[in-house]
Amino acid sequence: MTYTVWMQGQQIGQSRFEYTHDARRRAGKFIPTDFGLTVLPHITDMCPALMEFGDLCRREGFDMDDRRAETAAAALDAFADTAEGRRMLGAVKRIAQIEVLDPLGQAVIWESLAITDVDELAAIAHARSPGLLDERLNAEGTVKFMISLTLAKRSRVAKTLFGVSEPLVEC
């Protein structure tokens, strides 16, 4: 089943969400449209922006393993006006504009979503750990873009679409 991905009323791509982690988390190859290719550099900026923001937080003494909302809020308050903070917030705003439609044309309510440029991610990993992904960096015919999403806890997704054990309810 193919899911379509939209931004500002225009389709930017599609995915079959081939990989299932659990009842709420999905990932898959992302196939962009021509329009999608024009906006993807801004959308795929999320992963590098988060890494850069995390590096800043660590340098400034924030515990990046602390998952409490108040810790994240304190880091954002402290660094929102930095270059790293502005980059991360800009990426969040762009991601928030994305809509995913199921094969029936119904909106999939998601909690988190990322579209990743696999080559860019590999280059970041290589820069942080040289040699780690040398084979991947030289591979041909591999996936260029991946999409991952976490369904909202209360979502309009029927069990038959994502194969969850019980239907999720509408928000």
Protein backbone atom coordinates (compact mmCIF):
# COMPACT_ATOMS: atom_id res chain seq x y z
CA MET A 1 0.00 0.00 0.00
CA THR A 2 1.33 3.40 -0.95
CA TYR A 3 1.09 6.44 1.30
CA THR A 4 1.43 9.92 -0.18
CA VAL A 5 3.27 12.77 1.47
CA TRP A 6 2.16 16.38 1.01
CA MET A 7 3.37 19.87 1.85
CA GLN A 8 1.44 23.08 1.24
CA GLY A 9 -1.12 21.24 -0.88
CA GLN A 10 1.44 19.66 -3.21
CA GLN A 11 2.56 16.06 -3.17
CA ILE A 12 6.25 15.81 -2.33
CA GLY A 13 6.55 12.04 -2.49
CA GLN A 14 5.34 8.63 -1.45
CA SER A 15 6.33 5.61 0.63
CA ARG A 16 5.14 2.10 1.30
CA PHE A 17 6.48 2.24 4.89
CA GLU A 18 8.12 -1.15 4.37
CA TYR A 19 9.76 -1.34 7.78
CA THR A 20 7.76 -1.84 10.96
CA HIS A 21 9.30 -1.35 14.37
CA ASP A 22 6.18 -1.68 16.47
CA ALA A 23 2.48 -0.77 16.35
CA ARG A 24 3.21 2.95 16.11
CA ARG A 25 6.59 3.32 14.36
CA ARG A 26 7.08 2.90 10.63
CA ALA A 27 9.82 3.65 8.11
CA GLY A 28 10.38 3.17 4.43
CA LYS A 29 12.01 4.28 1.24
CA PHE A 30 10.82 7.77 0.30
CA ILE A 31 10.28 8.40 -3.41
CA PRO A 32 10.10 12.15 -4.07
CA THR A 33 8.13 13.91 -6.78
CA ASP A 34 9.80 16.58 -8.91
CA PHE A 35 8.33 19.21 -6.58
CA GLY A 36 9.49 17.18 -3.60
CA LEU A 37 13.07 17.32 -4.84
CA THR A 38 12.90 21.14 -4.68
CA VAL A 39 11.80 21.22 -1.02
CA LEU A 40 13.64 18.15 0.33
CA PRO A 41 16.88 19.98 1.19
CA HIS A 42 14.90 22.06 3.69
CA ILE A 43 13.02 19.03 5.05
CA THR A 44 16.02 16.70 5.34
CA ASP A 45 17.80 19.39 7.31
CA MET A 46 16.03 18.12 10.45
CA CYS A 47 18.52 15.35 11.28
CA PRO A 48 21.68 17.46 10.87
CA ALA A 49 20.00 20.36 12.70
CA LEU A 50 19.11 18.14 15.65
CA MET A 51 22.64 16.73 15.77
CA GLU A 52 24.13 20.21 15.71
CA PHE A 53 21.73 21.40 18.43
CA GLY A 54 22.55 18.31 20.52
CA ASP A 55 26.27 19.03 20.19
CA LEU A 56 25.69 22.58 21.45
CA CYS A 57 23.63 21.31 24.39
CA ARG A 58 26.33 18.79 25.36
CA ARG A 59 29.07 21.45 25.14
CA GLU A 60 27.00 23.66 27.43
CA GLY A 61 26.42 20.90 29.99
CA PHE A 62 22.90 19.67 29.19
CA ASP A 63 22.34 15.95 29.73
CA MET A 64 21.19 14.68 26.35
CA ASP A 65 20.08 11.38 27.90
CA ASP A 66 17.55 13.22 30.09
CA ARG A 67 14.23 12.77 28.23
CA ARG A 68 12.14 14.98 30.52
CA ALA A 69 10.16 17.73 28.79
CA GLU A 70 11.45 20.36 31.22
CA THR A 71 15.07 19.56 30.30
CA ALA A 72 14.29 19.93 26.59
CA ALA A 73 12.41 23.18 27.30
CA ALA A 74 15.35 24.56 29.29
CA ALA A 75 17.77 23.75 26.46
CA LEU A 76 15.48 25.38 23.93
CA ASP A 77 15.04 28.46 26.12
CA ALA A 78 18.80 28.72 26.53
CA PHE A 79 19.70 28.26 22.88
CA ALA A 80 16.71 29.28 20.73
CA ASP A 81 18.50 32.43 19.59
CA THR A 82 21.71 30.66 18.57
CA ALA A 83 22.43 29.65 14.99
CA GLU A 84 21.93 26.02 15.99
CA GLY A 85 18.64 26.77 17.73
CA ARG A 86 17.27 28.77 14.79
CA ARG A 87 18.27 26.02 12.36
CA MET A 88 16.56 23.35 14.47
CA LEU A 89 13.39 25.41 14.98
CA GLY A 90 13.23 26.17 11.24
CA ALA A 91 13.45 22.46 10.47
CA VAL A 92 10.71 21.70 13.01
CA LYS A 93 8.42 24.30 11.39
CA ARG A 94 8.95 22.78 7.95
CA ILE A 95 8.29 19.23 9.19
CA ALA A 96 5.10 20.43 10.89
CA GLN A 97 3.74 21.37 7.43
CA ILE A 98 3.91 17.78 6.18
CA GLU A 99 0.77 15.72 5.78
CA VAL A 100 0.72 11.97 5.16
CA LEU A 101 -2.30 10.37 3.49
CA ASP A 102 -3.10 6.69 3.65
CA PRO A 103 -4.00 4.70 0.50
CA LEU A 104 -7.65 5.71 1.00
CA GLY A 105 -6.75 9.41 1.06
CA GLN A 106 -7.30 9.81 4.81
CA ALA A 107 -4.82 11.84 6.88
CA VAL A 108 -2.44 9.80 9.00
CA ILE A 109 -2.08 11.56 12.34
CA TRP A 110 1.57 11.41 13.30
CA GLU A 111 3.47 12.34 16.43
CA SER A 112 6.89 12.60 14.84
CA LEU A 113 8.14 12.42 11.28
CA ALA A 114 11.50 12.66 9.55
CA ILE A 115 12.62 12.43 5.95
CA THR A 116 16.32 11.71 5.79
CA ASP A 117 18.84 12.04 2.98
CA VAL A 118 20.72 8.78 3.50
CA ASP A 119 23.91 10.06 1.85
CA GLU A 120 23.91 13.16 4.05
CA LEU A 121 23.40 11.03 7.16
CA ALA A 122 26.22 8.70 6.09
CA ALA A 123 28.52 11.69 5.56
CA ILE A 124 27.71 13.02 9.04
CA ALA A 125 28.35 9.58 10.56
CA HIS A 126 31.62 9.31 8.62
CA ALA A 127 32.74 12.76 9.82
CA ARG A 128 32.00 11.79 13.43
CA SER A 129 33.52 8.28 13.15
CA PRO A 130 35.89 8.07 10.14
CA GLY A 131 35.88 4.69 8.46
CA LEU A 132 32.60 3.62 10.04
CA LEU A 133 30.58 3.78 6.84
CA ASP A 134 33.19 3.71 4.09
CA GLU A 135 31.42 0.83 2.32
CA ARG A 136 28.05 2.61 2.50
CA LEU A 137 29.53 5.85 1.15
CA ASN A 138 30.77 4.01 -1.93
CA ALA A 139 27.67 1.85 -2.49
CA GLU A 140 25.69 2.29 -5.69
CA GLY A 141 21.99 1.78 -6.22
CA THR A 142 21.11 2.28 -2.59
CA VAL A 143 18.18 4.19 -1.12
CA LYS A 144 18.56 7.98 -1.38
CA PHE A 145 15.77 9.07 0.99
CA MET A 146 14.10 7.39 3.96
CA ILE A 147 10.96 8.43 5.81
CA SER A 148 10.10 7.46 9.35
CA LEU A 149 7.10 8.31 11.43
CA THR A 150 5.57 7.58 14.78
CA LEU A 151 1.80 7.46 14.74
CA ALA A 152 -0.01 9.60 17.27
CA LYS A 153 -1.31 7.62 20.23
CA ARG A 154 -4.82 8.49 19.09
CA SER A 155 -4.97 8.33 15.33
CA ARG A 156 -7.45 7.72 12.53
CA VAL A 157 -5.45 4.82 11.16
CA ALA A 158 -7.44 1.61 10.70
CA LYS A 159 -5.79 -1.62 11.79
CA THR A 160 -5.78 -2.95 8.25
CA LEU A 161 -3.63 -0.08 6.95
CA PHE A 162 -0.65 -0.46 9.26
CA GLY A 163 -1.44 -3.89 10.68
CA VAL A 164 -1.75 -2.78 14.29
CA SER A 165 -3.38 -5.25 16.64
CA GLU A 166 -6.36 -3.04 17.46
CA PRO A 167 -7.84 0.00 15.75
CA LEU A 168 -6.61 3.35 16.89
CA VAL A 169 -9.29 5.95 17.51
CA GLU A 170 -9.71 9.34 15.92
CA CYS A 171 -8.29 12.37 17.70
